[in-house]
């Protein structure tokens, strides 16, 4: 679906996926935010652009333009790095906490600003003020049409070095792509294999039908995190608040080990519990007590029938066993796709533990893993393109976002501390703007820490209440894990 390698001597066509991510109904921008321990200069940032960004791919020095035949292509243009470097001015002499707030407001501001069509679709913003996490902040903004989050973040992985041993490559957590089958080659073992295959076929059929309905006509109902006005008018960019929380991956692994789950199961359960807490408080129901009980008799559940759109890096299905191989293989482009997961929910009068959300999430994710839906996603997209054309594909991808209540996308970062031009990176994260959802989640691992970033639509989501629910959910779940 996307171009992997681009010849700089030609004007390659813009892939259907990239066109869909920079269209009149959907325009997504990816942000990679690096919080540096020491100030970086404009000259150093320009050096990074000249040495590591422009040479990487023709899309960083091209604009989208239709040729005489009406084909949208990447047309190479003269690119001046100075035109892509922006240094904002904030009031001087403020405390770090105040600059942190200015930084969040600035991210929301530039998250709603469209790119000019007469220059390549990327920018770097250098915020030369101290925040709570660093001496300065470097923000890389790019259109999703250039590449997915993995493509853009790994651009910096390749230009960074290990802080402890600069001559050694960065190391990443190992990937576990396939479930091991320990069934013995016996009659009983073969029977289990057959039953497993039948179960996989059933799960695949269900997932294909559900995904087809989800991207066409099936959509979640309005809720505490889904506005009733979602269908009334297309609004490309909605102002948002941003909040992040960082926790130890070791704590996540402790919970997953005790429950026999995976890190992704724990994260999915966490999101469900966060939304559950927020919905109970936002809708004026009785306060959710520490033992997990509620006294409200409404049987609908605080987050019943909510769907989570999960972004998958399809490169993991191409035979790679680790992130390092993916980086070396130069798998560039938009190679992320959606699967849909029903968020765990409980009726309001049920007595539940925070860990119940993870247990339910594990059950759901196990069914998704025992499915071949991943291999049908591009076939469905190609079929839509063949039947409805480019406009139809754009509407299909837009509906994939709009019809689900929320989404999550994640990036696996290195275990080592990184330096960028000898500037230690204290923290980094990413998020996407332009998503037609009121709440979206983004996760990234770095130095054995997991950072969860939430974007919340201003004017609809109570960001202070939601942020407090995020903090409470982490505390409740890990405390419950300790008590097992």
Protein backbone atom coordinates (compact mmCIF):
# COMPACT_ATOMS: atom_id res chain seq x y z
CA UNK A 1 0.00 0.00 0.00
CA UNK A 2 2.94 2.34 0.52
CA UNK A 3 6.26 3.11 -1.14
CA UNK A 4 9.15 1.63 0.79
CA UNK A 5 12.05 3.01 -1.22
CA UNK A 6 12.00 6.25 -3.17
CA UNK A 7 14.34 7.24 -5.97
CA UNK A 8 15.47 10.84 -5.53
CA UNK A 9 15.84 11.24 -9.30
CA UNK A 10 12.12 10.75 -9.91
CA UNK A 11 8.81 12.11 -8.66
CA UNK A 12 7.23 9.01 -7.12
CA UNK A 13 3.44 8.84 -6.76
CA UNK A 14 1.88 9.52 -3.37
CA UNK A 15 0.50 6.22 -2.07
CA UNK A 16 -3.27 5.90 -1.43
CA UNK A 17 -2.64 5.63 2.32
CA UNK A 18 -0.52 8.80 2.39
CA UNK A 19 -3.12 10.67 0.34
CA UNK A 20 -5.80 9.59 2.83
CA UNK A 21 -3.79 10.96 5.76
CA UNK A 22 -3.47 14.41 4.19
CA UNK A 23 -6.90 14.97 2.69
CA UNK A 24 -9.83 17.35 3.03
CA UNK A 25 -11.56 15.11 5.60
CA UNK A 26 -8.55 13.78 7.55
CA UNK A 27 -5.19 15.38 8.14
CA UNK A 28 -2.95 13.81 10.77
CA UNK A 29 0.25 15.32 12.18
CA UNK A 30 2.77 13.35 14.23
CA UNK A 31 4.78 15.02 16.99
CA UNK A 32 7.98 13.64 18.49
CA UNK A 33 8.96 15.60 21.61
CA UNK A 34 12.50 15.40 23.02
CA UNK A 35 13.23 16.91 26.42
CA UNK A 36 16.99 17.55 26.61
CA UNK A 37 19.09 17.89 29.75
CA UNK A 38 21.29 20.60 28.20
CA UNK A 39 20.34 23.39 25.75
CA UNK A 40 20.78 22.64 22.06
CA UNK A 41 21.51 25.44 19.59
CA UNK A 42 19.77 26.33 16.34
CA UNK A 43 23.00 25.52 14.47
CA UNK A 44 23.04 21.99 15.89
CA UNK A 45 19.39 21.48 14.99
CA UNK A 46 20.11 22.59 11.42
CA UNK A 47 23.02 20.13 11.30
CA UNK A 48 20.63 17.34 12.34
CA UNK A 49 18.30 18.33 9.51
CA UNK A 50 21.05 18.44 6.88
CA UNK A 51 22.75 15.21 7.95
CA UNK A 52 19.93 13.00 9.18
CA UNK A 53 16.54 14.22 7.93
CA UNK A 54 16.83 15.52 4.38
CA UNK A 55 19.03 12.66 3.09
CA UNK A 56 16.81 9.98 4.60
CA UNK A 57 13.87 10.19 2.23
CA UNK A 58 12.71 12.29 -0.72
CA UNK A 59 9.50 13.15 1.12
CA UNK A 60 11.38 15.53 3.43
CA UNK A 61 12.36 17.66 0.44
CA UNK A 62 9.19 17.28 -1.63
CA UNK A 63 5.70 18.68 -1.87
CA UNK A 64 2.55 16.96 -3.10
CA UNK A 65 1.63 18.08 -6.61
CA UNK A 66 -0.56 16.66 -9.37
CA UNK A 67 1.06 16.18 -12.74
CA UNK A 68 -0.61 16.74 -16.11
CA UNK A 69 -2.24 13.32 -15.91
CA UNK A 70 -3.82 14.16 -12.57
CA UNK A 71 -1.57 11.81 -10.58
CA UNK A 72 -0.55 13.12 -7.16
CA UNK A 73 3.24 12.81 -6.85
CA UNK A 74 6.09 13.78 -4.52
CA UNK A 75 7.74 16.66 -6.36
CA UNK A 76 11.25 17.48 -5.16
CA UNK A 77 11.80 21.16 -4.37
CA UNK A 78 14.64 23.30 -3.05
CA UNK A 79 14.42 22.95 0.74
CA UNK A 80 15.84 25.55 3.10
CA UNK A 81 16.20 24.16 6.61
CA UNK A 82 15.86 27.68 8.02
CA UNK A 83 12.27 27.76 6.77
CA UNK A 84 11.45 24.66 8.83
CA UNK A 85 13.03 25.71 12.13
CA UNK A 86 10.79 27.70 14.47
CA UNK A 87 11.91 29.17 17.82
CA UNK A 88 8.94 30.44 19.87
CA UNK A 89 9.22 33.27 22.41
CA UNK A 90 7.74 32.84 25.89
CA UNK A 91 7.80 35.35 28.77
CA UNK A 92 11.13 35.45 30.55
CA UNK A 93 11.94 34.70 34.17
CA UNK A 94 9.15 32.20 34.89
CA UNK A 95 9.34 29.05 37.01
CA UNK A 96 9.73 25.65 35.38
CA UNK A 97 6.13 24.77 36.23
CA UNK A 98 4.90 27.83 34.30
CA UNK A 99 7.06 26.99 31.29
CA UNK A 100 5.68 23.47 31.43
CA UNK A 101 2.18 24.89 31.05
CA UNK A 102 3.33 27.18 28.22
CA UNK A 103 4.85 24.14 26.50
CA UNK A 104 1.59 22.18 26.67
CA UNK A 105 -0.38 25.15 25.32
CA UNK A 106 2.17 25.60 22.55
CA UNK A 107 1.86 21.93 21.56
CA UNK A 108 -1.92 22.36 21.33
CA UNK A 109 -1.49 25.52 19.25
CA UNK A 110 0.87 24.04 16.66
CA UNK A 111 -1.14 20.82 16.71
CA UNK A 112 -4.03 22.75 15.15
CA UNK A 113 -1.96 24.63 12.55
CA UNK A 114 -1.98 23.27 9.01
CA UNK A 115 1.17 22.97 6.94
CA UNK A 116 1.69 25.25 3.97
CA UNK A 117 1.26 23.41 0.68
CA UNK A 118 4.23 25.16 -0.96
CA UNK A 119 6.94 23.55 1.19
CA UNK A 120 7.68 20.03 2.55
CA UNK A 121 5.35 18.84 5.30
CA UNK A 122 7.58 18.98 8.37
CA UNK A 123 8.92 21.42 10.96
CA UNK A 124 11.16 21.50 14.02
CA UNK A 125 10.21 23.73 16.94
CA UNK A 126 12.97 24.55 19.43
CA UNK A 127 11.59 25.67 22.80
CA UNK A 128 14.57 27.26 24.57
CA UNK A 129 13.00 27.40 28.02
CA UNK A 130 13.40 24.94 30.89
CA UNK A 131 10.53 22.59 31.66
CA UNK A 132 10.08 20.12 34.49
CA UNK A 133 11.84 17.44 32.41
CA UNK A 134 14.65 19.32 30.69
CA UNK A 135 16.65 22.45 29.93
CA UNK A 136 15.02 22.79 26.51
CA UNK A 137 12.57 20.92 24.29
CA UNK A 138 12.89 19.97 20.63
CA UNK A 139 9.61 19.22 18.86
CA UNK A 140 9.54 17.45 15.51
CA UNK A 141 6.24 17.89 13.64
CA UNK A 142 5.50 16.05 10.41
CA UNK A 143 2.50 15.09 8.32
CA UNK A 144 1.46 11.46 8.72
CA UNK A 145 1.59 11.35 4.91
CA UNK A 146 5.40 11.33 5.12
CA UNK A 147 5.46 8.22 7.30
CA UNK A 148 4.00 6.60 10.39
CA UNK A 149 5.14 7.18 13.96
CA UNK A 150 7.68 4.38 13.83
CA UNK A 151 9.29 5.78 10.65
CA UNK A 152 9.61 9.27 12.09
CA UNK A 153 10.76 8.33 15.60
CA UNK A 154 13.34 5.82 14.34
CA UNK A 155 14.78 8.69 12.27
CA UNK A 156 16.06 10.09 15.56
CA UNK A 157 17.03 6.68 16.93
CA UNK A 158 19.50 6.42 14.05
CA UNK A 159 20.96 9.87 14.78
CA UNK A 160 21.27 9.29 18.54
CA UNK A 161 24.01 7.58 20.52
CA UNK A 162 24.16 5.69 23.77
CA UNK A 163 25.06 7.99 26.64
CA UNK A 164 27.15 5.34 28.42
CA UNK A 165 28.93 3.83 25.38
CA UNK A 166 28.64 6.07 22.27
CA UNK A 167 30.43 3.50 20.10
CA UNK A 168 27.84 0.79 20.84
CA UNK A 169 24.42 0.59 19.14
CA UNK A 170 21.22 1.28 21.02
CA UNK A 171 19.54 -1.77 22.49
CA UNK A 172 15.79 -2.38 22.41
CA UNK A 173 13.41 -4.75 24.23
CA UNK A 174 12.92 -8.04 22.43
CA UNK A 175 9.72 -8.64 20.51
CA UNK A 176 7.50 -11.63 21.07
CA UNK A 177 5.55 -11.99 17.85
CA UNK A 178 4.11 -15.46 17.97
CA UNK A 179 2.61 -17.64 20.65
CA UNK A 180 4.60 -20.80 21.24
CA UNK A 181 2.82 -24.04 20.55
CA UNK A 182 4.05 -26.74 22.91
CA UNK A 183 1.50 -29.37 21.84
CA UNK A 184 3.07 -32.78 21.40
CA UNK A 185 2.70 -34.60 18.10
CA UNK A 186 0.25 -37.10 19.53
CA UNK A 187 -3.42 -37.80 18.93
CA UNK A 188 -4.30 -35.44 21.78
CA UNK A 189 -1.79 -32.89 20.54
CA UNK A 190 -3.13 -33.03 16.98
CA UNK A 191 -6.65 -32.68 18.31
CA UNK A 192 -5.64 -29.50 20.14
CA UNK A 193 -4.04 -28.19 16.96
CA UNK A 194 -7.24 -28.82 14.99
CA UNK A 195 -9.39 -27.18 17.64
CA UNK A 196 -6.98 -24.25 17.73
CA UNK A 197 -7.16 -23.90 13.95
CA UNK A 198 -10.96 -23.97 14.02
CA UNK A 199 -10.95 -21.35 16.76
CA UNK A 200 -8.60 -19.20 14.70
CA UNK A 201 -10.93 -19.44 11.69
CA UNK A 202 -13.93 -18.43 13.82
CA UNK A 203 -12.02 -15.49 15.35
CA UNK A 204 -10.78 -14.37 11.93
CA UNK A 205 -14.29 -14.45 10.44
CA UNK A 206 -15.64 -12.44 13.37
CA UNK A 207 -12.81 -9.89 13.13
CA UNK A 208 -13.21 -9.43 9.37
CA UNK A 209 -16.97 -8.89 9.67
CA UNK A 210 -16.60 -6.59 12.69
CA UNK A 211 -13.86 -4.49 11.05
CA UNK A 212 -15.89 -4.17 7.84
CA UNK A 213 -18.92 -2.94 9.79
CA UNK A 214 -16.78 -0.72 12.02
CA UNK A 215 -15.28 1.23 9.11
CA UNK A 216 -18.60 1.58 7.28
CA UNK A 217 -21.69 1.86 9.49
CA UNK A 218 -21.10 0.55 13.02
CA UNK A 219 -20.18 3.28 15.48
CA UNK A 220 -20.01 3.71 19.23
CA UNK A 221 -22.74 5.57 21.08
CA UNK A 222 -22.16 8.97 22.70
CA UNK A 223 -20.55 8.69 26.11
CA UNK A 224 -18.46 10.59 28.62
CA UNK A 225 -15.52 10.44 26.18
CA UNK A 226 -17.46 10.53 22.89
CA UNK A 227 -19.31 13.68 21.94
CA UNK A 228 -22.79 13.59 20.40
CA UNK A 229 -21.60 16.14 17.83
CA UNK A 230 -19.04 13.71 16.37
CA UNK A 231 -21.19 13.09 13.29
CA UNK A 232 -22.50 16.60 12.69
CA UNK A 233 -19.55 18.30 11.10
CA UNK A 234 -16.04 17.41 10.06
CA UNK A 235 -13.53 19.53 11.95
CA UNK A 236 -9.95 18.72 11.01
CA UNK A 237 -8.29 20.08 14.12
CA UNK A 238 -9.82 20.47 17.57
CA UNK A 239 -7.85 22.22 20.35
CA UNK A 240 -6.66 19.76 22.97
CA UNK A 241 -5.06 19.49 26.38
CA UNK A 242 -2.15 17.12 26.84
CA UNK A 243 -1.17 15.13 29.92
CA UNK A 244 1.50 12.51 30.52
CA UNK A 245 2.44 10.10 33.28
CA UNK A 246 5.55 7.97 33.64
CA UNK A 247 5.90 4.70 35.50
CA UNK A 248 8.39 1.89 35.85
CA UNK A 249 8.11 -0.93 33.33
CA UNK A 250 9.19 -3.22 36.15
CA UNK A 251 5.91 -2.49 37.96
CA UNK A 252 3.95 -3.21 34.78
CA UNK A 253 5.83 -6.49 34.36
CA UNK A 254 5.08 -7.46 37.96
CA UNK A 255 1.34 -7.10 37.33
CA UNK A 256 1.47 -8.89 33.97
CA UNK A 257 3.43 -11.79 35.45
CA UNK A 258 1.00 -12.26 38.33
CA UNK A 259 -1.97 -12.26 35.94
CA UNK A 260 -0.31 -14.26 33.15
CA UNK A 261 -0.84 -11.31 30.83
CA UNK A 262 1.30 -9.19 28.49
CA UNK A 263 2.37 -5.56 28.74
CA UNK A 264 -0.23 -4.70 26.08
CA UNK A 265 -2.93 -6.46 28.12
CA UNK A 266 -2.00 -4.37 31.17
CA UNK A 267 -2.05 -1.14 29.15
CA UNK A 268 -5.44 -1.97 27.59
CA UNK A 269 -6.86 -2.79 31.02
CA UNK A 270 -5.43 0.45 32.39
CA UNK A 271 -7.10 2.51 29.67
CA UNK A 272 -10.42 0.81 30.37
CA UNK A 273 -10.15 1.48 34.08
CA UNK A 274 -9.18 5.13 33.49
CA UNK A 275 -12.24 5.64 31.30
CA UNK A 276 -14.40 3.77 33.81
CA UNK A 277 -13.33 6.07 36.64
CA UNK A 278 -13.80 9.19 34.51
CA UNK A 279 -17.25 8.12 33.27
CA UNK A 280 -18.46 7.43 36.83
CA UNK A 281 -17.35 10.84 38.02
CA UNK A 282 -18.32 12.81 34.92
CA UNK A 283 -21.85 11.46 34.74
CA UNK A 284 -22.52 12.26 38.40
CA UNK A 285 -22.78 8.66 39.56
CA UNK A 286 -21.82 7.60 43.07
CA UNK A 287 -18.12 7.80 43.77
CA UNK A 288 -16.14 4.71 42.92
CA UNK A 289 -14.82 3.40 46.25
CA UNK A 290 -11.39 2.01 46.86
CA UNK A 291 -12.71 -1.55 47.19
CA UNK A 292 -14.19 -1.30 43.70
CA UNK A 293 -17.86 -1.20 44.67
CA UNK A 294 -20.54 1.19 43.48
CA UNK A 295 -24.06 1.69 44.76
CA UNK A 296 -25.62 3.06 41.59
CA UNK A 297 -28.28 0.73 40.21
CA UNK A 298 -27.95 1.75 36.58
CA UNK A 299 -27.18 -1.45 34.70
CA UNK A 300 -25.68 0.21 31.67
CA UNK A 301 -22.09 0.32 32.85
CA UNK A 302 -19.86 3.34 32.90
CA UNK A 303 -18.08 2.46 29.68
CA UNK A 304 -20.33 -0.14 28.06
CA UNK A 305 -19.83 -0.86 24.35
CA UNK A 306 -16.79 1.34 23.86
CA UNK A 307 -14.32 0.43 21.14
CA UNK A 308 -10.57 0.98 21.22
CA UNK A 309 -8.80 1.36 17.87
CA UNK A 310 -5.31 -0.13 18.27
CA UNK A 311 -2.58 0.95 15.87
CA UNK A 312 -0.38 -1.99 14.80
CA UNK A 313 3.10 -1.81 13.30
CA UNK A 314 2.67 -4.24 10.40
CA UNK A 315 6.44 -4.62 10.12
CA UNK A 316 6.30 -7.15 12.96
CA UNK A 317 4.45 -9.54 10.64
CA UNK A 318 7.24 -9.48 8.07
CA UNK A 319 9.55 -11.90 9.86
CA UNK A 320 11.45 -9.47 12.09
CA UNK A 321 12.38 -10.63 15.57
CA UNK A 322 13.61 -7.34 17.03
CA UNK A 323 13.45 -3.57 16.59
CA UNK A 324 17.11 -3.35 15.57
CA UNK A 325 16.42 -5.44 12.46
CA UNK A 326 13.48 -3.23 11.53
CA UNK A 327 15.63 -0.11 11.79
CA UNK A 328 18.38 -1.63 9.63
CA UNK A 329 15.85 -2.85 7.06
CA UNK A 330 14.68 0.73 6.31
CA UNK A 331 10.99 -0.23 6.33
CA UNK A 332 9.85 3.33 5.66
CA UNK A 333 6.34 4.60 5.03
CA UNK A 334 2.85 4.27 6.48
CA UNK A 335 2.86 0.65 7.58
CA UNK A 336 0.55 1.02 10.58
CA UNK A 337 -2.95 -0.43 10.52
CA UNK A 338 -5.97 -0.65 12.85
CA UNK A 339 -7.56 -3.47 14.77
CA UNK A 340 -10.62 -2.87 16.91
CA UNK A 341 -10.88 -4.06 20.50
CA UNK A 342 -13.96 -3.85 22.72
CA UNK A 343 -12.98 -2.18 25.99
CA UNK A 344 -13.70 -4.23 29.11
CA UNK A 345 -16.74 -2.93 30.95
CA UNK A 346 -18.81 -3.76 34.00
CA UNK A 347 -22.30 -2.77 35.05
CA UNK A 348 -22.34 -0.02 37.64
CA UNK A 349 -23.74 -2.17 40.43
CA UNK A 350 -21.03 -4.83 40.05
CA UNK A 351 -18.29 -5.04 42.64
CA UNK A 352 -15.08 -5.11 40.63
CA UNK A 353 -11.38 -4.94 41.27
CA UNK A 354 -9.15 -2.73 39.11
CA UNK A 355 -7.38 -5.93 38.05
CA UNK A 356 -10.65 -7.26 36.58
CA UNK A 357 -10.18 -4.79 33.73
CA UNK A 358 -6.80 -6.34 32.90
CA UNK A 359 -8.19 -9.88 33.13
CA UNK A 360 -10.99 -8.99 30.72
CA UNK A 361 -8.56 -7.19 28.43
CA UNK A 362 -6.36 -10.29 28.35
CA UNK A 363 -9.32 -12.47 27.31
CA UNK A 364 -10.14 -10.08 24.46
CA UNK A 365 -6.54 -9.68 23.30
CA UNK A 366 -5.97 -13.46 23.36
CA UNK A 367 -8.78 -13.82 20.83
CA UNK A 368 -7.24 -11.09 18.65
CA UNK A 369 -3.88 -12.87 18.74
CA UNK A 370 -5.58 -16.13 17.75
CA UNK A 371 -6.81 -14.55 14.51
CA UNK A 372 -5.44 -14.02 11.02
CA UNK A 373 -7.16 -10.65 10.67
CA UNK A 374 -3.76 -8.91 10.52
CA UNK A 375 -3.15 -10.46 7.12
CA UNK A 376 -6.51 -9.32 5.71
CA UNK A 377 -6.27 -5.63 6.60
CA UNK A 378 -4.45 -4.53 3.44
CA UNK A 379 -6.68 -6.75 1.31
CA UNK A 380 -9.73 -4.96 2.69
CA UNK A 381 -8.14 -1.57 2.00
CA UNK A 382 -7.21 -2.56 -1.54
CA UNK A 383 -10.75 -3.81 -2.14
CA UNK A 384 -12.17 -0.50 -0.89
CA UNK A 385 -9.80 1.40 -3.18
CA UNK A 386 -10.84 -0.74 -6.16
CA UNK A 387 -14.58 -0.34 -5.46
CA UNK A 388 -14.85 3.26 -4.23
CA UNK A 389 -11.63 4.88 -5.43
CA UNK A 390 -9.37 7.25 -3.50
CA UNK A 391 -12.27 9.26 -2.05
CA UNK A 392 -13.82 6.09 -0.70
CA UNK A 393 -10.58 5.01 0.95
CA UNK A 394 -10.23 8.41 2.60
CA UNK A 395 -13.73 8.14 4.06
CA UNK A 396 -13.01 4.57 5.17
CA UNK A 397 -9.87 5.55 7.10
CA UNK A 398 -11.65 8.57 8.58
CA UNK A 399 -14.48 6.31 9.77
CA UNK A 400 -11.95 3.95 11.34
CA UNK A 401 -11.10 6.74 13.76
CA UNK A 402 -14.50 8.40 14.07
CA UNK A 403 -16.58 5.29 14.76
CA UNK A 404 -14.41 4.15 17.70
CA UNK A 405 -14.51 5.83 21.11
CA UNK A 406 -10.75 6.15 21.52
CA UNK A 407 -7.43 4.88 20.20
CA UNK A 408 -3.93 3.95 21.29
CA UNK A 409 -0.65 3.94 19.42
CA UNK A 410 2.71 2.91 20.85
CA UNK A 411 6.41 3.04 20.09
CA UNK A 412 9.11 0.84 21.61
CA UNK A 413 12.12 2.96 22.53
CA UNK A 414 15.65 1.98 23.54
CA UNK A 415 16.61 0.63 26.95
CA UNK A 416 19.67 2.88 26.98
CA UNK A 417 19.82 6.57 27.71
CA UNK A 418 20.31 8.47 24.43
CA UNK A 419 22.26 11.58 23.52
CA UNK A 420 21.52 13.80 20.52
CA UNK A 421 24.65 15.68 19.42
CA UNK A 422 26.04 15.08 22.93
CA UNK A 423 22.89 16.42 24.58
CA UNK A 424 21.43 13.78 26.93
CA UNK A 425 17.74 13.05 26.30
CA UNK A 426 15.95 12.97 29.63
CA UNK A 427 12.59 12.02 28.17
CA UNK A 428 10.82 11.70 24.83
CA UNK A 429 7.29 10.96 23.72
CA UNK A 430 5.03 11.27 20.69
CA UNK A 431 1.40 11.97 19.88
CA UNK A 432 -0.81 12.68 16.88
CA UNK A 433 -3.11 15.65 16.26
CA UNK A 434 -6.07 15.79 13.89
CA UNK A 435 -7.65 12.57 15.20
CA UNK A 436 -11.47 12.82 15.14
CA UNK A 437 -11.77 11.51 18.71
CA UNK A 438 -12.08 13.40 21.97
CA UNK A 439 -9.53 11.24 23.81
CA UNK A 440 -6.47 9.46 22.40
CA UNK A 441 -3.65 7.57 24.10
CA UNK A 442 0.00 7.19 23.11
CA UNK A 443 2.62 5.06 24.85
CA UNK A 444 6.40 4.92 24.54
CA UNK A 445 9.04 2.98 26.42
CA UNK A 446 12.44 4.46 27.21
CA UNK A 447 15.12 3.46 29.74
CA UNK A 448 12.82 0.82 31.29
CA UNK A 449 10.14 3.47 31.83
CA UNK A 450 6.70 3.59 30.24
CA UNK A 451 5.26 7.00 29.40
CA UNK A 452 1.56 7.30 28.66
CA UNK A 453 0.44 10.49 26.90
CA UNK A 454 -3.23 11.52 26.67
CA UNK A 455 -4.70 14.17 24.37
CA UNK A 456 -8.10 15.50 25.47
CA UNK A 457 -10.47 17.71 23.48
CA UNK A 458 -10.84 21.15 25.02
CA UNK A 459 -14.38 22.14 25.85
CA UNK A 460 -15.64 18.55 26.06
CA UNK A 461 -13.22 16.54 28.22
CA UNK A 462 -12.65 17.77 31.76
CA UNK A 463 -8.86 17.53 31.54
CA UNK A 464 -8.21 18.01 35.28
CA UNK A 465 -10.70 15.30 36.18
CA UNK A 466 -9.41 12.96 33.49
CA UNK A 467 -5.77 13.52 34.54
CA UNK A 468 -6.65 12.72 38.16
CA UNK A 469 -8.34 9.50 36.97
CA UNK A 470 -5.16 8.56 35.10
CA UNK A 471 -3.08 8.97 38.25
CA UNK A 472 -5.62 7.13 40.41
CA UNK A 473 -5.91 4.24 37.95
CA UNK A 474 -2.16 3.63 38.00
CA UNK A 475 -2.05 3.72 41.79
CA UNK A 476 -5.10 1.44 42.21
CA UNK A 477 -3.97 -1.19 39.74
CA UNK A 478 -0.41 -1.45 40.99
CA UNK A 479 -1.55 -1.49 44.61
CA UNK A 480 -3.99 -4.29 43.76
CA UNK A 481 -1.16 -6.12 41.99
CA UNK A 482 1.01 -5.92 45.10
CA UNK A 483 -1.81 -7.35 47.23
CA UNK A 484 -2.27 -10.47 45.08
